[in-house]
Amino acid sequence: MSITLRLLPVVFLVILMGCGQTEPRAVSEKRSIDYSQTKKAQAAKTTSVARIGAEAILDNDAENVLVAVDKKSFYEMKQKFLSGDNRLEVMMMALKGHLIMVPCGVRIRILDKDSYATKIYILEGEYSGRTGWILCEFAKPISP
């Protein structure tokens, strides 16, 4: 068995547990922005609905948010979560590059919306400059 196949369960656990972790990952330590402080500092400034064109904060009451790189991947991920315990399939989407894990507290701009999904532009951090799709409720607007 190759080392890649033996590490697959470990990668799977890291991705799944990363959304609820309480300690920063080693990768997070390399970033210059302390997202946990950003999230706490701006949590009091958020309301419930973000409008198109506005800046917002990523927040899902966990450490990270899974962001789909395109709308098709978003709806595929949503369907996998709704259809039962398909975490392995979601992990495979992440390994193929269809999903990225972005820390909560990162500033985003709302580009578009539909009934379930919000298209975002990531303004800071490791994925700054990238776009993606999240659940609408994960974008918390910043009050003036």
N, C-alpha and C. Protein backbone atom coordinates (compact mmCIF):
# COMPACT_ATOMS: atom_id res chain seq x y z
N MET A 1 0.85 -1.18 0.00
CA MET A 1 0.00 0.00 0.00
C MET A 1 0.89 1.23 0.00
N SER A 2 0.62 2.16 -0.88
CA SER A 2 1.46 3.36 -0.97
C SER A 2 1.23 4.25 0.23
N ILE A 3 2.19 5.12 0.51
CA ILE A 3 2.08 6.03 1.65
C ILE A 3 0.91 6.99 1.48
N THR A 4 0.59 7.36 0.23
CA THR A 4 -0.54 8.25 -0.03
C THR A 4 -1.85 7.62 0.43
N LEU A 5 -2.07 6.35 0.11
CA LEU A 5 -3.29 5.68 0.52
C LEU A 5 -3.36 5.49 2.02
N ARG A 6 -2.22 5.25 2.66
CA ARG A 6 -2.22 5.10 4.11
C ARG A 6 -2.52 6.42 4.80
N LEU A 7 -2.15 7.54 4.19
CA LEU A 7 -2.38 8.85 4.80
C LEU A 7 -3.78 9.39 4.53
N LEU A 8 -4.52 8.80 3.59
CA LEU A 8 -5.84 9.28 3.25
C LEU A 8 -6.77 9.38 4.46
N PRO A 9 -6.85 8.37 5.35
CA PRO A 9 -7.71 8.51 6.52
C PRO A 9 -7.26 9.66 7.44
N VAL A 10 -5.97 9.91 7.52
CA VAL A 10 -5.47 11.00 8.36
C VAL A 10 -5.88 12.34 7.76
N VAL A 11 -5.75 12.50 6.46
CA VAL A 11 -6.15 13.73 5.78
C VAL A 11 -7.64 13.94 5.96
N PHE A 12 -8.41 12.88 5.83
CA PHE A 12 -9.85 12.93 6.02
C PHE A 12 -10.20 13.47 7.40
N LEU A 13 -9.58 12.93 8.44
CA LEU A 13 -9.85 13.38 9.80
C LEU A 13 -9.44 14.82 10.02
N VAL A 14 -8.32 15.22 9.47
CA VAL A 14 -7.87 16.60 9.62
C VAL A 14 -8.88 17.56 9.00
N ILE A 15 -9.39 17.23 7.81
CA ILE A 15 -10.36 18.10 7.16
C ILE A 15 -11.65 18.16 7.96
N LEU A 16 -12.16 17.02 8.38
CA LEU A 16 -13.42 17.01 9.12
C LEU A 16 -13.30 17.66 10.48
N MET A 17 -12.22 17.42 11.16
CA MET A 17 -12.07 17.98 12.50
C MET A 17 -11.63 19.43 12.45
N GLY A 18 -11.09 19.87 11.34
CA GLY A 18 -10.65 21.25 11.21
C GLY A 18 -11.78 22.25 11.38
N CYS A 19 -13.00 21.86 11.01
CA CYS A 19 -14.13 22.78 11.12
C CYS A 19 -14.52 23.04 12.56
N GLY A 20 -14.18 22.18 13.49
CA GLY A 20 -14.57 22.38 14.87
C GLY A 20 -13.40 22.45 15.83
N GLN A 21 -12.21 22.61 15.32
CA GLN A 21 -11.04 22.57 16.20
C GLN A 21 -10.98 23.79 17.11
N THR A 22 -10.35 23.62 18.26
CA THR A 22 -10.22 24.73 19.20
C THR A 22 -8.80 25.25 19.24
N GLU A 23 -7.83 24.49 18.78
CA GLU A 23 -6.45 24.94 18.74
C GLU A 23 -6.08 25.27 17.31
N PRO A 24 -5.27 26.32 17.10
CA PRO A 24 -4.88 26.66 15.74
C PRO A 24 -4.03 25.58 15.10
N ARG A 25 -4.21 25.40 13.80
CA ARG A 25 -3.39 24.45 13.07
C ARG A 25 -2.02 25.06 12.84
N ALA A 26 -1.04 24.23 12.52
CA ALA A 26 0.31 24.72 12.25
C ALA A 26 0.30 25.70 11.09
N VAL A 27 -0.54 25.45 10.08
CA VAL A 27 -0.61 26.35 8.94
C VAL A 27 -1.09 27.72 9.38
N SER A 28 -2.05 27.77 10.32
CA SER A 28 -2.59 29.04 10.79
C SER A 28 -1.53 29.87 11.49
N GLU A 29 -0.55 29.24 12.12
CA GLU A 29 0.46 29.97 12.85
C GLU A 29 1.34 30.81 11.93
N LYS A 30 1.39 30.46 10.63
CA LYS A 30 2.23 31.18 9.69
C LYS A 30 1.57 32.48 9.23
N ARG A 31 0.29 32.63 9.44
CA ARG A 31 -0.43 33.81 8.97
C ARG A 31 -0.14 35.00 9.88
N SER A 32 -0.15 36.18 9.28
CA SER A 32 0.14 37.39 10.04
C SER A 32 -1.08 37.93 10.77
N ILE A 33 -2.29 37.48 10.40
CA ILE A 33 -3.51 37.97 11.01
C ILE A 33 -4.02 36.94 12.00
N ASP A 34 -4.38 37.38 13.19
CA ASP A 34 -4.96 36.49 14.20
C ASP A 34 -6.47 36.48 13.98
N TYR A 35 -6.98 35.49 13.22
CA TYR A 35 -8.37 35.46 12.85
C TYR A 35 -9.29 35.24 14.04
N SER A 36 -8.85 34.53 15.05
CA SER A 36 -9.70 34.32 16.22
C SER A 36 -9.96 35.65 16.92
N GLN A 37 -8.96 36.52 16.98
CA GLN A 37 -9.15 37.84 17.57
C GLN A 37 -10.03 38.70 16.67
N THR A 38 -9.85 38.61 15.38
CA THR A 38 -10.67 39.36 14.44
C THR A 38 -12.13 38.97 14.59
N LYS A 39 -12.38 37.67 14.67
CA LYS A 39 -13.75 37.18 14.81
C LYS A 39 -14.38 37.70 16.09
N LYS A 40 -13.66 37.60 17.21
CA LYS A 40 -14.20 38.05 18.49
C LYS A 40 -14.43 39.56 18.49
N ALA A 41 -13.49 40.30 17.92
CA ALA A 41 -13.59 41.75 17.92
C ALA A 41 -14.74 42.24 17.06
N GLN A 42 -15.04 41.52 15.98
CA GLN A 42 -16.07 41.99 15.06
C GLN A 42 -17.41 41.29 15.24
N ALA A 43 -17.48 40.29 16.10
CA ALA A 43 -18.73 39.55 16.30
C ALA A 43 -19.85 40.46 16.78
N ALA A 44 -19.52 41.42 17.62
CA ALA A 44 -20.52 42.34 18.15
C ALA A 44 -21.02 43.30 17.07
N LYS A 45 -20.29 43.47 15.98
CA LYS A 45 -20.64 44.41 14.93
C LYS A 45 -21.46 43.79 13.81
N THR A 46 -21.82 42.51 13.91
CA THR A 46 -22.48 41.84 12.80
C THR A 46 -23.99 41.81 12.96
N THR A 47 -24.69 41.80 11.82
CA THR A 47 -26.12 41.60 11.78
C THR A 47 -26.38 40.31 11.03
N SER A 48 -27.63 40.05 10.65
CA SER A 48 -27.91 38.73 10.10
C SER A 48 -27.88 38.62 8.58
N VAL A 49 -28.08 39.69 7.82
CA VAL A 49 -28.17 39.58 6.37
C VAL A 49 -27.13 40.47 5.70
N ALA A 50 -26.32 39.88 4.82
CA ALA A 50 -25.33 40.64 4.07
C ALA A 50 -25.88 40.94 2.67
N ARG A 51 -25.72 42.17 2.20
CA ARG A 51 -26.23 42.53 0.88
C ARG A 51 -25.12 42.47 -0.16
N ILE A 52 -25.48 42.36 -1.41
CA ILE A 52 -24.51 42.29 -2.50
C ILE A 52 -23.71 43.59 -2.54
N GLY A 53 -22.40 43.45 -2.65
CA GLY A 53 -21.49 44.58 -2.69
C GLY A 53 -20.92 44.96 -1.33
N ALA A 54 -21.50 44.44 -0.27
CA ALA A 54 -21.06 44.78 1.08
C ALA A 54 -19.91 43.89 1.54
N GLU A 55 -19.12 44.42 2.47
CA GLU A 55 -18.12 43.58 3.13
C GLU A 55 -18.80 42.81 4.24
N ALA A 56 -18.26 41.65 4.54
CA ALA A 56 -18.83 40.80 5.59
C ALA A 56 -17.69 39.99 6.21
N ILE A 57 -18.05 39.22 7.21
CA ILE A 57 -17.12 38.35 7.91
C ILE A 57 -17.61 36.91 7.75
N LEU A 58 -16.69 35.99 7.45
CA LEU A 58 -17.04 34.56 7.42
C LEU A 58 -17.25 34.08 8.84
N ASP A 59 -18.37 33.42 9.10
CA ASP A 59 -18.63 32.91 10.44
C ASP A 59 -19.67 31.80 10.38
N ASN A 60 -19.34 30.64 10.95
CA ASN A 60 -20.30 29.53 11.01
C ASN A 60 -20.27 28.85 12.38
N ASP A 61 -19.84 29.58 13.41
CA ASP A 61 -19.75 29.06 14.78
C ASP A 61 -18.77 27.89 14.89
N ALA A 62 -17.81 27.82 14.00
CA ALA A 62 -16.73 26.84 14.05
C ALA A 62 -15.43 27.57 13.76
N GLU A 63 -14.37 26.83 13.59
CA GLU A 63 -13.05 27.43 13.33
C GLU A 63 -12.88 27.81 11.85
N ASN A 64 -13.47 27.03 10.95
CA ASN A 64 -13.30 27.21 9.51
C ASN A 64 -14.62 27.07 8.77
N VAL A 65 -14.63 27.60 7.54
CA VAL A 65 -15.78 27.49 6.65
C VAL A 65 -15.32 26.79 5.37
N LEU A 66 -16.06 25.77 4.94
CA LEU A 66 -15.77 25.15 3.65
C LEU A 66 -16.33 26.05 2.56
N VAL A 67 -15.47 26.49 1.65
CA VAL A 67 -15.85 27.37 0.56
C VAL A 67 -15.70 26.59 -0.74
N ALA A 68 -16.78 26.51 -1.50
CA ALA A 68 -16.73 25.84 -2.81
C ALA A 68 -16.14 26.81 -3.83
N VAL A 69 -15.29 26.30 -4.71
CA VAL A 69 -14.61 27.17 -5.68
C VAL A 69 -15.53 27.60 -6.82
N ASP A 70 -16.66 26.90 -7.01
CA ASP A 70 -17.63 27.31 -8.02
C ASP A 70 -19.02 26.89 -7.56
N LYS A 71 -20.03 27.42 -8.24
CA LYS A 71 -21.42 27.18 -7.83
C LYS A 71 -21.80 25.71 -7.94
N LYS A 72 -21.33 25.05 -9.00
CA LYS A 72 -21.62 23.62 -9.17
C LYS A 72 -21.08 22.82 -7.98
N SER A 73 -19.86 23.12 -7.56
CA SER A 73 -19.26 22.42 -6.41
C SER A 73 -20.02 22.71 -5.13
N PHE A 74 -20.52 23.95 -4.99
CA PHE A 74 -21.31 24.29 -3.79
C PHE A 74 -22.54 23.39 -3.69
N TYR A 75 -23.30 23.30 -4.79
CA TYR A 75 -24.53 22.50 -4.74
C TYR A 75 -24.24 21.01 -4.63
N GLU A 76 -23.12 20.56 -5.17
CA GLU A 76 -22.71 19.17 -5.01
C GLU A 76 -22.38 18.89 -3.53
N MET A 77 -21.63 19.81 -2.89
CA MET A 77 -21.31 19.66 -1.47
C MET A 77 -22.59 19.68 -0.62
N LYS A 78 -23.48 20.61 -0.90
CA LYS A 78 -24.73 20.73 -0.16
C LYS A 78 -25.53 19.43 -0.27
N GLN A 79 -25.63 18.89 -1.47
CA GLN A 79 -26.37 17.64 -1.67
C GLN A 79 -25.73 16.48 -0.90
N LYS A 80 -24.41 16.42 -0.88
CA LYS A 80 -23.72 15.34 -0.16
C LYS A 80 -24.00 15.43 1.34
N PHE A 81 -24.01 16.65 1.89
CA PHE A 81 -24.30 16.80 3.32
C PHE A 81 -25.76 16.46 3.62
N LEU A 82 -26.68 16.83 2.74
CA LEU A 82 -28.10 16.57 2.97
C LEU A 82 -28.48 15.11 2.79
N SER A 83 -27.73 14.39 1.97
CA SER A 83 -28.11 13.00 1.66
C SER A 83 -27.56 11.99 2.66
N GLY A 84 -27.02 12.46 3.75
CA GLY A 84 -26.55 11.53 4.77
C GLY A 84 -25.08 11.68 5.07
N ASP A 85 -24.51 10.61 5.57
CA ASP A 85 -23.12 10.63 6.02
C ASP A 85 -22.17 10.42 4.83
N ASN A 86 -21.95 11.49 4.07
CA ASN A 86 -21.10 11.43 2.89
C ASN A 86 -19.84 12.26 3.09
N ARG A 87 -19.31 12.26 4.28
CA ARG A 87 -18.12 13.06 4.57
C ARG A 87 -16.91 12.66 3.75
N LEU A 88 -16.80 11.38 3.45
CA LEU A 88 -15.68 10.93 2.62
C LEU A 88 -15.75 11.55 1.23
N GLU A 89 -16.96 11.63 0.68
CA GLU A 89 -17.12 12.25 -0.63
C GLU A 89 -16.81 13.75 -0.59
N VAL A 90 -17.19 14.41 0.49
CA VAL A 90 -16.86 15.84 0.66
C VAL A 90 -15.36 16.00 0.79
N MET A 91 -14.70 15.10 1.54
CA MET A 91 -13.25 15.15 1.67
C MET A 91 -12.58 14.98 0.31
N MET A 92 -13.10 14.10 -0.51
CA MET A 92 -12.54 13.88 -1.84
C MET A 92 -12.70 15.14 -2.70
N MET A 93 -13.82 15.85 -2.53
CA MET A 93 -13.99 17.12 -3.24
C MET A 93 -12.90 18.12 -2.84
N ALA A 94 -12.59 18.15 -1.55
CA ALA A 94 -11.54 19.06 -1.06
C ALA A 94 -10.18 18.66 -1.62
N LEU A 95 -9.89 17.36 -1.61
CA LEU A 95 -8.60 16.89 -2.13
C LEU A 95 -8.45 17.18 -3.63
N LYS A 96 -9.56 17.20 -4.35
CA LYS A 96 -9.53 17.49 -5.79
C LYS A 96 -9.49 19.00 -6.07
N GLY A 97 -9.58 19.81 -5.02
CA GLY A 97 -9.49 21.26 -5.20
C GLY A 97 -10.82 21.95 -5.42
N HIS A 98 -11.94 21.24 -5.21
CA HIS A 98 -13.26 21.85 -5.39
C HIS A 98 -13.71 22.63 -4.17
N LEU A 99 -13.08 22.39 -3.03
CA LEU A 99 -13.42 23.08 -1.78
C LEU A 99 -12.13 23.57 -1.13
N ILE A 100 -12.22 24.74 -0.46
CA ILE A 100 -11.11 25.23 0.33
C ILE A 100 -11.62 25.52 1.74
N MET A 101 -10.75 25.42 2.72
CA MET A 101 -11.12 25.66 4.10
C MET A 101 -10.55 27.02 4.52
N VAL A 102 -11.44 27.96 4.79
CA VAL A 102 -11.07 29.33 5.12
C VAL A 102 -11.43 29.60 6.58
N PRO A 103 -10.51 30.19 7.35
CA PRO A 103 -10.79 30.45 8.77
C PRO A 103 -11.96 31.43 8.95
N CYS A 104 -12.74 31.21 9.99
CA CYS A 104 -13.78 32.17 10.35
C CYS A 104 -13.10 33.48 10.73
N GLY A 105 -13.81 34.57 10.54
CA GLY A 105 -13.27 35.89 10.86
C GLY A 105 -12.61 36.59 9.70
N VAL A 106 -12.44 35.89 8.59
CA VAL A 106 -11.82 36.49 7.40
C VAL A 106 -12.84 37.45 6.76
N ARG A 107 -12.35 38.61 6.33
CA ARG A 107 -13.20 39.59 5.65
C ARG A 107 -13.44 39.15 4.20
N ILE A 108 -14.69 39.30 3.76
CA ILE A 108 -15.10 38.93 2.41
C ILE A 108 -15.96 40.05 1.83
N ARG A 109 -16.15 40.03 0.52
CA ARG A 109 -17.11 40.92 -0.14
C ARG A 109 -18.15 40.03 -0.82
N ILE A 110 -19.42 40.42 -0.69
CA ILE A 110 -20.52 39.67 -1.29
C ILE A 110 -20.64 40.07 -2.76
N LEU A 111 -20.53 39.10 -3.65
CA LEU A 111 -20.60 39.37 -5.09
C LEU A 111 -21.95 39.04 -5.70
N ASP A 112 -22.60 37.99 -5.20
CA ASP A 112 -23.86 37.53 -5.78
C ASP A 112 -24.55 36.62 -4.77
N LYS A 113 -25.84 36.40 -4.97
CA LYS A 113 -26.61 35.53 -4.07
C LYS A 113 -27.69 34.81 -4.86
N ASP A 114 -28.08 33.66 -4.33
CA ASP A 114 -29.32 33.04 -4.75
C ASP A 114 -30.01 32.56 -3.48
N SER A 115 -30.97 31.67 -3.57
CA SER A 115 -31.74 31.30 -2.38
C SER A 115 -30.93 30.60 -1.30
N TYR A 116 -29.86 29.87 -1.66
CA TYR A 116 -29.07 29.15 -0.68
C TYR A 116 -27.61 29.61 -0.62
N ALA A 117 -27.08 30.06 -1.74
CA ALA A 117 -25.64 30.29 -1.85
C ALA A 117 -25.31 31.77 -2.01
N THR A 118 -24.13 32.12 -1.52
CA THR A 118 -23.59 33.47 -1.66
C THR A 118 -22.22 33.35 -2.31
N LYS A 119 -22.02 34.12 -3.39
CA LYS A 119 -20.71 34.17 -4.02
C LYS A 119 -19.90 35.25 -3.32
N ILE A 120 -18.68 34.88 -2.91
CA ILE A 120 -17.84 35.80 -2.14
C ILE A 120 -16.50 36.04 -2.82
N TYR A 121 -15.89 37.16 -2.47
CA TYR A 121 -14.51 37.48 -2.83
C TYR A 121 -13.75 37.58 -1.53
N ILE A 122 -12.70 36.81 -1.35
CA ILE A 122 -11.95 36.77 -0.09
C ILE A 122 -10.96 37.93 -0.09
N LEU A 123 -11.05 38.77 0.94
CA LEU A 123 -10.27 40.01 1.00
C LEU A 123 -8.95 39.89 1.77
N GLU A 124 -8.77 38.83 2.56
CA GLU A 124 -7.56 38.73 3.36
C GLU A 124 -7.20 37.27 3.62
N GLY A 125 -5.97 37.08 4.07
CA GLY A 125 -5.52 35.75 4.44
C GLY A 125 -4.94 34.96 3.29
N GLU A 126 -4.78 33.68 3.54
CA GLU A 126 -4.14 32.75 2.60
C GLU A 126 -4.84 32.72 1.24
N TYR A 127 -6.15 32.86 1.22
CA TYR A 127 -6.92 32.76 -0.02
C TYR A 127 -7.36 34.12 -0.55
N SER A 128 -6.72 35.18 -0.12
CA SER A 128 -7.04 36.54 -0.56
C SER A 128 -7.02 36.61 -2.09
N GLY A 129 -8.06 37.24 -2.64
CA GLY A 129 -8.15 37.38 -4.09
C GLY A 129 -8.93 36.28 -4.78
N ARG A 130 -9.30 35.25 -4.05
CA ARG A 130 -10.06 34.14 -4.65
C ARG A 130 -11.56 34.35 -4.45
N THR A 131 -12.34 33.76 -5.31
CA THR A 131 -13.79 33.78 -5.15
C THR A 131 -14.26 32.38 -4.79
N GLY A 132 -15.46 32.31 -4.25
CA GLY A 132 -16.04 31.03 -3.89
C GLY A 132 -17.49 31.17 -3.50
N TRP A 133 -18.10 30.06 -3.15
CA TRP A 133 -19.52 30.01 -2.79
C TRP A 133 -19.69 29.40 -1.40
N ILE A 134 -20.53 30.03 -0.58
CA ILE A 134 -20.82 29.56 0.78
C ILE A 134 -22.33 29.60 1.01
N LEU A 135 -22.77 28.98 2.10
CA LEU A 135 -24.16 29.15 2.52
C LEU A 135 -24.38 30.60 2.89
N CYS A 136 -25.55 31.13 2.56
CA CYS A 136 -25.86 32.55 2.81
C CYS A 136 -25.62 32.95 4.26
N GLU A 137 -25.98 32.10 5.19
CA GLU A 137 -25.88 32.46 6.60
C GLU A 137 -24.44 32.50 7.12
N PHE A 138 -23.47 32.06 6.36
CA PHE A 138 -22.07 32.11 6.78
C PHE A 138 -21.43 33.47 6.52
N ALA A 139 -22.13 34.37 5.83
CA ALA A 139 -21.62 35.73 5.57
C ALA A 139 -22.32 36.69 6.53
N LYS A 140 -21.59 37.15 7.53
CA LYS A 140 -22.14 38.06 8.53
C LYS A 140 -21.70 39.48 8.19
N PRO A 141 -22.66 40.36 7.86
CA PRO A 141 -22.29 41.72 7.46
C PRO A 141 -21.66 42.49 8.62
N ILE A 142 -20.82 43.46 8.26
CA ILE A 142 -20.18 44.34 9.25
C ILE A 142 -21.02 45.59 9.34
N SER A 143 -21.47 45.94 10.54
CA SER A 143 -22.23 47.17 10.73
C SER A 143 -21.29 48.37 10.68
N PRO A 144 -21.79 49.50 10.17
CA PRO A 144 -20.93 50.69 10.11
C PRO A 144 -20.57 51.25 11.47
